């Protein structure tokens, strides 16, 4: 928040229910739909949600969602143990908004401060590898939708770097195996991608305000 401190605000709501009521901007997990990189939602689906034509499905009771929610503080604590050079912060029910990007908000799994005083994003993912396609999406890279989510958060916060912690879990007939990966992303290395996403999000939001449905963009096969 060093460059535009007066334009960036962190809000902490009293409860998760209150936080849910204020998600009227584009969130990190939604951003990939805008550019056709979300395997679960198209840009037209998101447009229908944001214009009030449809209500998103409540998935909070899904087992994989509950697992991710419960595992998050544990993985955040393990990261702090494994990487003591970072100061790890967490703000419950948080939402960061930036006056420069009135169409977007960011809710972070954690915030980091490195030894140079630079601020960063901590994003935590838990994934069950059930199909070969899922395994392939993690092969030597981040899945596109998670990469876009990190870019979105870097845009809103204007932080200098991000770390994504991913726990990949496979279950072979009751033999559970886990692997934890760490992806370190420097803002300077992805600046062009952040700017591209900003333009696409702003274009999409203008269509929301104008009540004009965007053309369908499908994920690549």
C-alpha atoms as a PDB file:
ATOM      1  CA  UNK A   1       0.000   0.000   0.000  1.00  0.00           C
ATOM      2  CA  UNK A   2       2.996   2.318  -0.244  1.00  0.00           C
ATOM      3  CA  UNK A   3       2.334   4.025  -3.595  1.00  0.00           C
ATOM      4  CA  UNK A   4      -1.318   4.987  -3.239  1.00  0.00           C
ATOM      5  CA  UNK A   5      -1.924   4.631   0.481  1.00  0.00           C
ATOM      6  CA  UNK A   6      -4.825   7.097   0.492  1.00  0.00           C
ATOM      7  CA  UNK A   7      -6.736   5.178  -2.184  1.00  0.00           C
ATOM      8  CA  UNK A   8      -6.584   1.697  -0.640  1.00  0.00           C
ATOM      9  CA  UNK A   9      -8.792   0.691   2.276  1.00  0.00           C
ATOM     10  CA  UNK A  10      -8.983  -2.513   4.306  1.00  0.00           C
ATOM     11  CA  UNK A  11     -12.394  -3.264   5.766  1.00  0.00           C
ATOM     12  CA  UNK A  12     -12.930  -5.889   8.468  1.00  0.00           C
ATOM     13  CA  UNK A  13     -16.502  -7.075   8.832  1.00  0.00           C
ATOM     14  CA  UNK A  14     -17.903  -8.460  12.067  1.00  0.00           C
ATOM     15  CA  UNK A  15     -18.976 -11.770  10.551  1.00  0.00           C
ATOM     16  CA  UNK A  16     -18.751 -13.881   7.420  1.00  0.00           C
ATOM     17  CA  UNK A  17     -22.427 -13.184   6.746  1.00  0.00           C
ATOM     18  CA  UNK A  18     -21.778  -9.439   6.732  1.00  0.00           C
ATOM     19  CA  UNK A  19     -18.764  -9.959   4.464  1.00  0.00           C
ATOM     20  CA  UNK A  20     -20.890 -11.942   2.006  1.00  0.00           C
ATOM     21  CA  UNK A  21     -23.420  -9.088   1.748  1.00  0.00           C
ATOM     22  CA  UNK A  22     -20.730  -6.673   0.545  1.00  0.00           C
ATOM     23  CA  UNK A  23     -19.298  -8.763  -2.309  1.00  0.00           C
ATOM     24  CA  UNK A  24     -20.837  -6.545  -4.976  1.00  0.00           C
ATOM     25  CA  UNK A  25     -17.596  -5.950  -6.894  1.00  0.00           C
ATOM     26  CA  UNK A  26     -15.497  -8.451  -8.864  1.00  0.00           C
ATOM     27  CA  UNK A  27     -13.725 -10.839  -6.507  1.00  0.00           C
ATOM     28  CA  UNK A  28     -10.508 -12.748  -7.007  1.00  0.00           C
ATOM     29  CA  UNK A  29     -12.107 -16.139  -7.658  1.00  0.00           C
ATOM     30  CA  UNK A  30     -14.441 -14.529 -10.236  1.00  0.00           C
ATOM     31  CA  UNK A  31     -11.822 -12.644 -12.262  1.00  0.00           C
ATOM     32  CA  UNK A  32     -10.768 -15.652 -14.337  1.00  0.00           C
ATOM     33  CA  UNK A  33     -14.301 -16.007 -15.727  1.00  0.00           C
ATOM     34  CA  UNK A  34     -13.965 -12.601 -17.380  1.00  0.00           C
ATOM     35  CA  UNK A  35     -11.075 -13.805 -19.547  1.00  0.00           C
ATOM     36  CA  UNK A  36     -12.430 -17.303 -20.192  1.00  0.00           C
ATOM     37  CA  UNK A  37     -10.102 -19.103 -17.763  1.00  0.00           C
ATOM     38  CA  UNK A  38     -12.576 -20.351 -15.151  1.00  0.00           C
ATOM     39  CA  UNK A  39     -13.539 -24.023 -15.550  1.00  0.00           C
ATOM     40  CA  UNK A  40     -16.688 -23.592 -13.453  1.00  0.00           C
ATOM     41  CA  UNK A  41     -18.159 -20.278 -14.650  1.00  0.00           C
ATOM     42  CA  UNK A  42     -18.300 -18.361 -17.936  1.00  0.00           C
ATOM     43  CA  UNK A  43     -18.107 -14.609 -18.326  1.00  0.00           C
ATOM     44  CA  UNK A  44     -21.832 -14.601 -19.155  1.00  0.00           C
ATOM     45  CA  UNK A  45     -22.598 -16.532 -15.958  1.00  0.00           C
ATOM     46  CA  UNK A  46     -20.708 -13.904 -13.972  1.00  0.00           C
ATOM     47  CA  UNK A  47     -22.506 -11.102 -15.813  1.00  0.00           C
ATOM     48  CA  UNK A  48     -25.864 -12.656 -14.877  1.00  0.00           C
ATOM     49  CA  UNK A  49     -24.772 -12.826 -11.232  1.00  0.00           C
ATOM     50  CA  UNK A  50     -23.562  -9.218 -11.158  1.00  0.00           C
ATOM     51  CA  UNK A  51     -26.698  -7.892 -12.856  1.00  0.00           C
ATOM     52  CA  UNK A  52     -28.961  -9.801 -10.453  1.00  0.00           C
ATOM     53  CA  UNK A  53     -30.405 -12.149 -13.056  1.00  0.00           C
ATOM     54  CA  UNK A  54     -29.123 -15.214 -11.228  1.00  0.00           C
ATOM     55  CA  UNK A  55     -28.017 -16.029  -7.699  1.00  0.00           C
ATOM     56  CA  UNK A  56     -24.745 -17.943  -7.284  1.00  0.00           C
ATOM     57  CA  UNK A  57     -25.026 -21.420  -5.799  1.00  0.00           C
ATOM     58  CA  UNK A  58     -24.183 -21.611  -2.101  1.00  0.00           C
ATOM     59  CA  UNK A  59     -21.320 -24.107  -1.910  1.00  0.00           C
ATOM     60  CA  UNK A  60     -20.284 -23.378   1.679  1.00  0.00           C
ATOM     61  CA  UNK A  61     -21.544 -26.795   2.825  1.00  0.00           C
ATOM     62  CA  UNK A  62     -19.601 -28.756   0.210  1.00  0.00           C
ATOM     63  CA  UNK A  63     -17.019 -31.076   1.847  1.00  0.00           C
ATOM     64  CA  UNK A  64     -14.125 -29.725  -0.236  1.00  0.00           C
ATOM     65  CA  UNK A  65     -15.043 -26.133   0.692  1.00  0.00           C
ATOM     66  CA  UNK A  66     -15.228 -26.993   4.385  1.00  0.00           C
ATOM     67  CA  UNK A  67     -11.894 -28.794   4.173  1.00  0.00           C
ATOM     68  CA  UNK A  68     -10.238 -25.803   2.515  1.00  0.00           C
ATOM     69  CA  UNK A  69     -11.693 -23.429   5.106  1.00  0.00           C
ATOM     70  CA  UNK A  70     -10.497 -25.550   8.034  1.00  0.00           C
ATOM     71  CA  UNK A  71      -7.077 -26.241   6.497  1.00  0.00           C
ATOM     72  CA  UNK A  72      -6.338 -22.596   5.714  1.00  0.00           C
ATOM     73  CA  UNK A  73      -5.167 -21.446   9.182  1.00  0.00           C
ATOM     74  CA  UNK A  74      -3.071 -24.606   9.549  1.00  0.00           C
ATOM     75  CA  UNK A  75      -1.325 -24.082   6.203  1.00  0.00           C
ATOM     76  CA  UNK A  76      -0.834 -20.414   7.022  1.00  0.00           C
ATOM     77  CA  UNK A  77       0.818 -21.409  10.302  1.00  0.00           C
ATOM     78  CA  UNK A  78       3.040 -23.970   8.568  1.00  0.00           C
ATOM     79  CA  UNK A  79       4.136 -21.356   6.046  1.00  0.00           C
ATOM     80  CA  UNK A  80       5.122 -19.054   8.907  1.00  0.00           C
ATOM     81  CA  UNK A  81       7.193 -21.878  10.425  1.00  0.00           C
ATOM     82  CA  UNK A  82       8.849 -22.862   7.146  1.00  0.00           C
ATOM     83  CA  UNK A  83       9.577 -19.293   6.030  1.00  0.00           C
ATOM     84  CA  UNK A  84      10.415 -17.275   9.179  1.00  0.00           C
ATOM     85  CA  UNK A  85      11.894 -14.515   7.025  1.00  0.00           C
ATOM     86  CA  UNK A  86       8.344 -13.360   6.313  1.00  0.00           C
ATOM     87  CA  UNK A  87       6.053 -11.670   8.786  1.00  0.00           C
ATOM     88  CA  UNK A  88       2.627 -13.265   8.303  1.00  0.00           C
ATOM     89  CA  UNK A  89      -0.530 -11.241   8.999  1.00  0.00           C
ATOM     90  CA  UNK A  90      -4.167 -12.250   8.814  1.00  0.00           C
ATOM     91  CA  UNK A  91      -7.293 -10.097   9.036  1.00  0.00           C
ATOM     92  CA  UNK A  92     -10.512 -12.058   9.528  1.00  0.00           C
ATOM     93  CA  UNK A  93     -13.484 -11.249   7.274  1.00  0.00           C
ATOM     94  CA  UNK A  94     -11.283  -8.787   5.406  1.00  0.00           C
ATOM     95  CA  UNK A  95     -11.985  -6.925   2.200  1.00  0.00           C
ATOM     96  CA  UNK A  96      -9.546  -4.579   0.487  1.00  0.00           C
ATOM     97  CA  UNK A  97     -10.862  -1.996  -1.956  1.00  0.00           C
ATOM     98  CA  UNK A  98      -8.912   0.445  -4.086  1.00  0.00           C
ATOM     99  CA  UNK A  99     -10.431   3.711  -5.296  1.00  0.00           C
ATOM    100  CA  UNK A 100      -8.419   3.376  -8.501  1.00  0.00           C
ATOM    101  CA  UNK A 101     -10.279   0.149  -9.327  1.00  0.00           C
ATOM    102  CA  UNK A 102     -13.895   0.681  -8.181  1.00  0.00           C
ATOM    103  CA  UNK A 103     -14.995  -2.535  -9.911  1.00  0.00           C
ATOM    104  CA  UNK A 104     -12.829  -4.881  -7.808  1.00  0.00           C
ATOM    105  CA  UNK A 105     -12.208  -6.090  -4.273  1.00  0.00           C
ATOM    106  CA  UNK A 106      -9.706  -8.456  -2.679  1.00  0.00           C
ATOM    107  CA  UNK A 107     -10.119 -10.762   0.321  1.00  0.00           C
ATOM    108  CA  UNK A 108      -6.796 -12.294   1.254  1.00  0.00           C
ATOM    109  CA  UNK A 109      -5.867 -15.540   2.997  1.00  0.00           C
ATOM    110  CA  UNK A 110      -2.899 -13.723   4.474  1.00  0.00           C
ATOM    111  CA  UNK A 111      -0.556 -10.784   4.054  1.00  0.00           C
ATOM    112  CA  UNK A 112       3.236 -10.891   4.095  1.00  0.00           C
ATOM    113  CA  UNK A 113       6.045  -8.507   4.899  1.00  0.00           C
ATOM    114  CA  UNK A 114       9.538  -9.492   3.750  1.00  0.00           C
ATOM    115  CA  UNK A 115      12.908  -8.511   5.229  1.00  0.00           C
ATOM    116  CA  UNK A 116      13.002  -5.397   3.033  1.00  0.00           C
ATOM    117  CA  UNK A 117       9.615  -4.205   4.273  1.00  0.00           C
ATOM    118  CA  UNK A 118       7.833  -5.044   1.036  1.00  0.00           C
ATOM    119  CA  UNK A 119       4.242  -6.200   1.330  1.00  0.00           C
ATOM    120  CA  UNK A 120       2.930  -9.340  -0.323  1.00  0.00           C
ATOM    121  CA  UNK A 121      -0.093 -11.567  -0.728  1.00  0.00           C
ATOM    122  CA  UNK A 122      -0.444 -15.051   0.743  1.00  0.00           C
ATOM    123  CA  UNK A 123      -2.943 -17.203  -1.143  1.00  0.00           C
ATOM    124  CA  UNK A 124      -3.753 -20.735   0.060  1.00  0.00           C
ATOM    125  CA  UNK A 125      -5.260 -23.528  -2.024  1.00  0.00           C
ATOM    126  CA  UNK A 126      -6.253 -27.108  -1.206  1.00  0.00           C
ATOM    127  CA  UNK A 127      -6.982 -29.391  -4.131  1.00  0.00           C
ATOM    128  CA  UNK A 128      -8.065 -33.004  -4.504  1.00  0.00           C
ATOM    129  CA  UNK A 129      -6.435 -34.482  -7.607  1.00  0.00           C
ATOM    130  CA  UNK A 130      -9.239 -36.697  -8.894  1.00  0.00           C
ATOM    131  CA  UNK A 131      -8.590 -36.705 -12.644  1.00  0.00           C
ATOM    132  CA  UNK A 132      -5.561 -36.693 -14.923  1.00  0.00           C
ATOM    133  CA  UNK A 133      -6.713 -33.309 -16.275  1.00  0.00           C
ATOM    134  CA  UNK A 134      -6.416 -31.803 -12.787  1.00  0.00           C
ATOM    135  CA  UNK A 135      -2.944 -33.268 -12.383  1.00  0.00           C
ATOM    136  CA  UNK A 136      -1.921 -31.830 -15.746  1.00  0.00           C
ATOM    137  CA  UNK A 137      -3.094 -28.323 -14.791  1.00  0.00           C
ATOM    138  CA  UNK A 138      -0.552 -28.310 -11.928  1.00  0.00           C
ATOM    139  CA  UNK A 139       2.322 -29.749 -13.989  1.00  0.00           C
ATOM    140  CA  UNK A 140       5.156 -27.227 -13.699  1.00  0.00           C
ATOM    141  CA  UNK A 141       2.770 -24.291 -13.385  1.00  0.00           C
ATOM    142  CA  UNK A 142      -0.194 -22.726 -11.663  1.00  0.00           C
ATOM    143  CA  UNK A 143      -3.673 -23.465 -13.017  1.00  0.00           C
ATOM    144  CA  UNK A 144      -4.865 -20.486 -15.054  1.00  0.00           C
ATOM    145  CA  UNK A 145      -7.764 -19.580 -12.775  1.00  0.00           C
ATOM    146  CA  UNK A 146      -5.510 -19.452  -9.699  1.00  0.00           C
ATOM    147  CA  UNK A 147      -2.901 -17.392 -11.543  1.00  0.00           C
ATOM    148  CA  UNK A 148      -5.590 -14.881 -12.566  1.00  0.00           C
ATOM    149  CA  UNK A 149      -6.809 -14.736  -8.968  1.00  0.00           C
ATOM    150  CA  UNK A 150      -3.318 -13.778  -7.770  1.00  0.00           C
ATOM    151  CA  UNK A 151      -3.037 -11.128 -10.510  1.00  0.00           C
ATOM    152  CA  UNK A 152      -6.382  -9.679  -9.397  1.00  0.00           C
ATOM    153  CA  UNK A 153      -5.200  -9.412  -5.801  1.00  0.00           C
ATOM    154  CA  UNK A 154      -1.937  -7.800  -6.862  1.00  0.00           C
ATOM    155  CA  UNK A 155      -3.907  -5.275  -8.912  1.00  0.00           C
ATOM    156  CA  UNK A 156      -6.188  -4.296  -6.034  1.00  0.00           C
ATOM    157  CA  UNK A 157      -3.575  -4.220  -3.274  1.00  0.00           C
ATOM    158  CA  UNK A 158      -0.674  -2.952  -5.415  1.00  0.00           C
ATOM    159  CA  UNK A 159       1.581  -5.216  -3.349  1.00  0.00           C
ATOM    160  CA  UNK A 160       5.053  -6.125  -4.589  1.00  0.00           C
ATOM    161  CA  UNK A 161       4.870  -9.920  -4.566  1.00  0.00           C
ATOM    162  CA  UNK A 162       2.671 -12.932  -3.894  1.00  0.00           C
ATOM    163  CA  UNK A 163       3.150 -16.452  -2.567  1.00  0.00           C
ATOM    164  CA  UNK A 164       0.623 -19.159  -3.381  1.00  0.00           C
ATOM    165  CA  UNK A 165       0.695 -22.206  -1.109  1.00  0.00           C
ATOM    166  CA  UNK A 166      -0.969 -25.242  -2.651  1.00  0.00           C
ATOM    167  CA  UNK A 167      -1.714 -28.524  -0.908  1.00  0.00           C
ATOM    168  CA  UNK A 168      -2.338 -31.200  -3.524  1.00  0.00           C
ATOM    169  CA  UNK A 169      -4.050 -34.316  -2.175  1.00  0.00           C
ATOM    170  CA  UNK A 170      -4.582 -37.670  -3.868  1.00  0.00           C
ATOM    171  CA  UNK A 171      -6.514 -40.623  -2.468  1.00  0.00           C
ATOM    172  CA  UNK A 172      -5.529 -44.042  -3.775  1.00  0.00           C
ATOM    173  CA  UNK A 173      -8.165 -46.365  -2.281  1.00  0.00           C
ATOM    174  CA  UNK A 174      -7.745 -44.860   1.168  1.00  0.00           C
ATOM    175  CA  UNK A 175      -3.991 -44.226   0.864  1.00  0.00           C
ATOM    176  CA  UNK A 176      -3.938 -40.424   1.117  1.00  0.00           C
ATOM    177  CA  UNK A 177      -0.858 -38.665  -0.214  1.00  0.00           C
ATOM    178  CA  UNK A 178      -0.225 -34.929   0.080  1.00  0.00           C
ATOM    179  CA  UNK A 179       2.224 -32.570  -1.520  1.00  0.00           C
ATOM    180  CA  UNK A 180       2.679 -28.912  -0.593  1.00  0.00           C
ATOM    181  CA  UNK A 181       3.985 -26.510  -3.229  1.00  0.00           C
ATOM    182  CA  UNK A 182       5.006 -22.862  -2.958  1.00  0.00           C
ATOM    183  CA  UNK A 183       4.794 -20.471  -5.908  1.00  0.00           C
ATOM    184  CA  UNK A 184       6.607 -17.132  -5.571  1.00  0.00           C
ATOM    185  CA  UNK A 185       5.505 -14.342  -7.914  1.00  0.00           C
ATOM    186  CA  UNK A 186       7.159 -10.928  -8.248  1.00  0.00           C
ATOM    187  CA  UNK A 187       4.993  -8.038  -9.386  1.00  0.00           C
ATOM    188  CA  UNK A 188       7.595  -6.783 -11.862  1.00  0.00           C
ATOM    189  CA  UNK A 189       7.539 -10.161 -13.633  1.00  0.00           C
ATOM    190  CA  UNK A 190       3.767 -10.096 -14.235  1.00  0.00           C
ATOM    191  CA  UNK A 191       3.113  -6.355 -14.640  1.00  0.00           C
ATOM    192  CA  UNK A 192       1.893  -6.737 -18.231  1.00  0.00           C
ATOM    193  CA  UNK A 193      -0.530  -9.500 -17.226  1.00  0.00           C
ATOM    194  CA  UNK A 194      -1.892  -7.355 -14.379  1.00  0.00           C
ATOM    195  CA  UNK A 195      -2.507  -4.485 -16.777  1.00  0.00           C
ATOM    196  CA  UNK A 196      -4.212  -6.790 -19.276  1.00  0.00           C
ATOM    197  CA  UNK A 197      -6.503  -8.108 -16.546  1.00  0.00           C
ATOM    198  CA  UNK A 198      -7.284  -4.584 -15.364  1.00  0.00           C
ATOM    199  CA  UNK A 199      -8.419  -3.607 -18.841  1.00  0.00           C
ATOM    200  CA  UNK A 200     -10.581  -6.716 -19.228  1.00  0.00           C
ATOM    201  CA  UNK A 201     -12.186  -6.314 -15.797  1.00  0.00           C
ATOM    202  CA  UNK A 202     -12.947  -2.654 -16.439  1.00  0.00           C
ATOM    203  CA  UNK A 203     -14.463  -3.500 -19.829  1.00  0.00           C
ATOM    204  CA  UNK A 204     -16.598  -6.232 -18.263  1.00  0.00           C
ATOM    205  CA  UNK A 205     -17.763  -3.954 -15.430  1.00  0.00           C
ATOM    206  CA  UNK A 206     -18.796  -1.257 -17.913  1.00  0.00           C
ATOM    207  CA  UNK A 207     -21.003  -3.878 -19.578  1.00  0.00           C
ATOM    208  CA  UNK A 208     -22.490  -4.764 -16.189  1.00  0.00           C
ATOM    209  CA  UNK A 209     -23.328  -1.108 -15.574  1.00  0.00           C
ATOM    210  CA  UNK A 210     -24.733  -0.726 -19.094  1.00  0.00           C
ATOM    211  CA  UNK A 211     -26.740  -3.972 -18.728  1.00  0.00           C
ATOM    212  CA  UNK A 212     -25.214  -5.310 -21.942  1.00  0.00           C
ATOM    213  CA  UNK A 213     -24.244  -8.997 -21.964  1.00  0.00           C
ATOM    214  CA  UNK A 214     -20.683  -9.673 -23.149  1.00  0.00           C
ATOM    215  CA  UNK A 215     -19.925 -12.181 -25.870  1.00  0.00           C
ATOM    216  CA  UNK A 216     -19.292 -15.687 -24.596  1.00  0.00           C
ATOM    217  CA  UNK A 217     -15.669 -16.599 -23.885  1.00  0.00           C
ATOM    218  CA  UNK A 218     -15.044 -20.284 -23.252  1.00  0.00           C
ATOM    219  CA  UNK A 219     -11.989 -21.829 -21.576  1.00  0.00           C
ATOM    220  CA  UNK A 220      -9.456 -23.246 -23.996  1.00  0.00           C
ATOM    221  CA  UNK A 221      -9.398 -27.028 -24.356  1.00  0.00           C
END
